[in-house]
Amino acid sequence: MTDPDDPYRFLSVTGEVDAVTTEGAREHIDELAMRYMGEEAYPQPIESERVILRIRADDVFHGG
């Protein structure tokens, strides 16, 4: 991730996928739509199955 106000400030997390699930995926996209778009539900039709990946962080890098 980069800071939109300072392109030299960043965060990078690397690791391996620990879990894969579809449970709660619809609710998750609706939460993201509210956070980033101000919409109560994701406004586009969902034409494929949504998946949530849980990643175990092995390394964290930051700068700026």
N, C-alpha and C. Protein backbone atom coordinates (compact mmCIF):
# COMPACT_ATOMS: atom_id res chain seq x y z
N MET A 1 0.84 -1.15 0.00
CA MET A 1 0.00 0.00 0.00
C MET A 1 0.89 1.22 0.00
N THR A 2 0.43 2.26 -0.70
CA THR A 2 1.13 3.54 -0.66
C THR A 2 0.19 4.61 -0.12
N ASP A 3 0.78 5.58 0.52
CA ASP A 3 0.04 6.72 1.04
C ASP A 3 -0.28 7.64 -0.14
N PRO A 4 -1.56 7.95 -0.39
CA PRO A 4 -1.88 8.82 -1.52
C PRO A 4 -1.31 10.23 -1.38
N ASP A 5 -0.98 10.62 -0.17
CA ASP A 5 -0.40 11.95 0.05
C ASP A 5 1.12 11.96 0.02
N ASP A 6 1.74 10.77 0.09
CA ASP A 6 3.20 10.67 0.12
C ASP A 6 3.61 9.35 -0.52
N PRO A 7 3.94 9.35 -1.82
CA PRO A 7 4.24 8.11 -2.51
C PRO A 7 5.49 7.38 -1.99
N TYR A 8 6.28 8.04 -1.15
CA TYR A 8 7.45 7.39 -0.57
C TYR A 8 7.12 6.66 0.73
N ARG A 9 5.90 6.84 1.22
CA ARG A 9 5.44 6.14 2.42
C ARG A 9 4.65 4.92 1.98
N PHE A 10 5.06 3.74 2.44
CA PHE A 10 4.44 2.51 1.96
C PHE A 10 4.40 1.45 3.05
N LEU A 11 3.59 0.42 2.79
CA LEU A 11 3.50 -0.76 3.63
C LEU A 11 3.34 -1.95 2.71
N SER A 12 4.11 -2.99 2.97
CA SER A 12 4.03 -4.23 2.19
C SER A 12 4.02 -5.41 3.16
N VAL A 13 3.06 -6.29 2.99
CA VAL A 13 2.94 -7.49 3.82
C VAL A 13 2.98 -8.70 2.89
N THR A 14 3.87 -9.65 3.18
CA THR A 14 3.94 -10.88 2.39
C THR A 14 3.73 -12.08 3.30
N GLY A 15 3.20 -13.14 2.74
CA GLY A 15 2.96 -14.34 3.53
C GLY A 15 2.28 -15.40 2.69
N GLU A 16 1.74 -16.40 3.37
CA GLU A 16 1.05 -17.50 2.68
C GLU A 16 -0.40 -17.54 3.09
N VAL A 17 -1.23 -18.03 2.19
CA VAL A 17 -2.66 -18.16 2.47
C VAL A 17 -2.86 -19.26 3.49
N ASP A 18 -3.53 -18.93 4.60
CA ASP A 18 -3.84 -19.88 5.66
C ASP A 18 -5.23 -20.48 5.50
N ALA A 19 -6.17 -19.69 4.97
CA ALA A 19 -7.55 -20.16 4.88
C ALA A 19 -8.23 -19.54 3.67
N VAL A 20 -9.14 -20.31 3.09
CA VAL A 20 -9.96 -19.86 1.97
C VAL A 20 -11.40 -20.17 2.32
N THR A 21 -12.29 -19.17 2.19
CA THR A 21 -13.69 -19.40 2.52
C THR A 21 -14.57 -18.52 1.65
N THR A 22 -15.80 -18.95 1.46
CA THR A 22 -16.81 -18.12 0.82
C THR A 22 -17.78 -17.57 1.87
N GLU A 23 -17.69 -18.10 3.08
CA GLU A 23 -18.59 -17.68 4.15
C GLU A 23 -18.33 -16.22 4.53
N GLY A 24 -19.37 -15.42 4.48
CA GLY A 24 -19.26 -14.01 4.83
C GLY A 24 -18.72 -13.13 3.71
N ALA A 25 -18.47 -13.70 2.54
CA ALA A 25 -17.87 -12.93 1.46
C ALA A 25 -18.81 -11.85 0.94
N ARG A 26 -20.11 -12.15 0.85
CA ARG A 26 -21.06 -11.14 0.37
C ARG A 26 -21.12 -9.98 1.37
N GLU A 27 -21.18 -10.29 2.64
CA GLU A 27 -21.22 -9.24 3.66
C GLU A 27 -19.94 -8.40 3.62
N HIS A 28 -18.83 -9.06 3.34
CA HIS A 28 -17.54 -8.36 3.27
C HIS A 28 -17.52 -7.33 2.14
N ILE A 29 -18.00 -7.71 0.95
CA ILE A 29 -17.99 -6.75 -0.16
C ILE A 29 -18.94 -5.60 0.11
N ASP A 30 -20.06 -5.87 0.82
CA ASP A 30 -20.97 -4.80 1.18
C ASP A 30 -20.32 -3.85 2.19
N GLU A 31 -19.55 -4.38 3.14
CA GLU A 31 -18.82 -3.53 4.10
C GLU A 31 -17.80 -2.65 3.37
N LEU A 32 -17.10 -3.23 2.39
CA LEU A 32 -16.12 -2.45 1.62
C LEU A 32 -16.81 -1.38 0.79
N ALA A 33 -17.98 -1.70 0.22
CA ALA A 33 -18.74 -0.71 -0.55
C ALA A 33 -19.13 0.46 0.33
N MET A 34 -19.53 0.18 1.56
CA MET A 34 -19.90 1.26 2.49
C MET A 34 -18.67 2.10 2.83
N ARG A 35 -17.57 1.44 3.13
CA ARG A 35 -16.35 2.16 3.54
C ARG A 35 -15.79 3.03 2.43
N TYR A 36 -15.71 2.49 1.21
CA TYR A 36 -15.01 3.19 0.15
C TYR A 36 -15.92 3.90 -0.85
N MET A 37 -17.21 3.52 -0.90
CA MET A 37 -18.10 4.10 -1.89
C MET A 37 -19.31 4.81 -1.27
N GLY A 38 -19.52 4.61 0.05
CA GLY A 38 -20.67 5.20 0.69
C GLY A 38 -21.98 4.52 0.31
N GLU A 39 -21.90 3.30 -0.22
CA GLU A 39 -23.08 2.53 -0.63
C GLU A 39 -23.37 1.46 0.41
N GLU A 40 -24.65 1.22 0.70
CA GLU A 40 -25.00 0.18 1.67
C GLU A 40 -24.74 -1.22 1.15
N ALA A 41 -24.82 -1.38 -0.16
CA ALA A 41 -24.56 -2.68 -0.78
C ALA A 41 -23.70 -2.45 -2.02
N TYR A 42 -22.89 -3.45 -2.37
CA TYR A 42 -22.05 -3.36 -3.56
C TYR A 42 -22.95 -3.13 -4.77
N PRO A 43 -22.73 -2.03 -5.52
CA PRO A 43 -23.69 -1.62 -6.54
C PRO A 43 -23.67 -2.42 -7.85
N GLN A 44 -22.64 -3.20 -8.10
CA GLN A 44 -22.55 -3.95 -9.34
C GLN A 44 -23.09 -5.37 -9.15
N PRO A 45 -23.67 -5.96 -10.18
CA PRO A 45 -24.10 -7.36 -10.04
C PRO A 45 -22.88 -8.26 -9.82
N ILE A 46 -23.02 -9.20 -8.91
CA ILE A 46 -21.93 -10.14 -8.65
C ILE A 46 -22.20 -11.39 -9.47
N GLU A 47 -21.33 -11.65 -10.43
CA GLU A 47 -21.54 -12.72 -11.39
C GLU A 47 -20.69 -13.95 -11.12
N SER A 48 -19.88 -13.90 -10.07
CA SER A 48 -19.05 -15.05 -9.73
C SER A 48 -19.05 -15.21 -8.21
N GLU A 49 -18.59 -16.34 -7.76
CA GLU A 49 -18.52 -16.59 -6.33
C GLU A 49 -17.41 -15.75 -5.70
N ARG A 50 -17.72 -15.10 -4.60
CA ARG A 50 -16.73 -14.31 -3.89
C ARG A 50 -15.99 -15.20 -2.91
N VAL A 51 -14.71 -14.93 -2.71
CA VAL A 51 -13.86 -15.72 -1.84
C VAL A 51 -13.07 -14.78 -0.94
N ILE A 52 -12.90 -15.18 0.31
CA ILE A 52 -12.05 -14.45 1.24
C ILE A 52 -10.82 -15.30 1.53
N LEU A 53 -9.65 -14.70 1.37
CA LEU A 53 -8.38 -15.37 1.66
C LEU A 53 -7.81 -14.78 2.94
N ARG A 54 -7.43 -15.62 3.87
CA ARG A 54 -6.76 -15.17 5.09
C ARG A 54 -5.27 -15.46 4.90
N ILE A 55 -4.44 -14.44 5.02
CA ILE A 55 -3.01 -14.56 4.77
C ILE A 55 -2.25 -14.44 6.08
N ARG A 56 -1.36 -15.40 6.33
CA ARG A 56 -0.47 -15.34 7.50
C ARG A 56 0.71 -14.43 7.12
N ALA A 57 0.88 -13.34 7.82
CA ALA A 57 1.95 -12.40 7.50
C ALA A 57 3.29 -12.98 7.95
N ASP A 58 4.20 -13.12 7.00
CA ASP A 58 5.55 -13.60 7.31
C ASP A 58 6.53 -12.42 7.40
N ASP A 59 6.33 -11.42 6.54
CA ASP A 59 7.21 -10.25 6.53
C ASP A 59 6.39 -8.99 6.36
N VAL A 60 6.79 -7.96 7.07
CA VAL A 60 6.15 -6.65 6.94
C VAL A 60 7.26 -5.63 6.67
N PHE A 61 7.09 -4.89 5.59
CA PHE A 61 8.06 -3.85 5.22
C PHE A 61 7.33 -2.52 5.19
N HIS A 62 7.99 -1.49 5.66
CA HIS A 62 7.40 -0.16 5.61
C HIS A 62 8.50 0.88 5.40
N GLY A 63 8.12 1.99 4.90
CA GLY A 63 9.08 3.05 4.68
C GLY A 63 8.40 4.40 4.57
N GLY A 64 9.20 5.40 4.61
CA GLY A 64 8.68 6.76 4.46
C GLY A 64 8.71 7.43 5.72
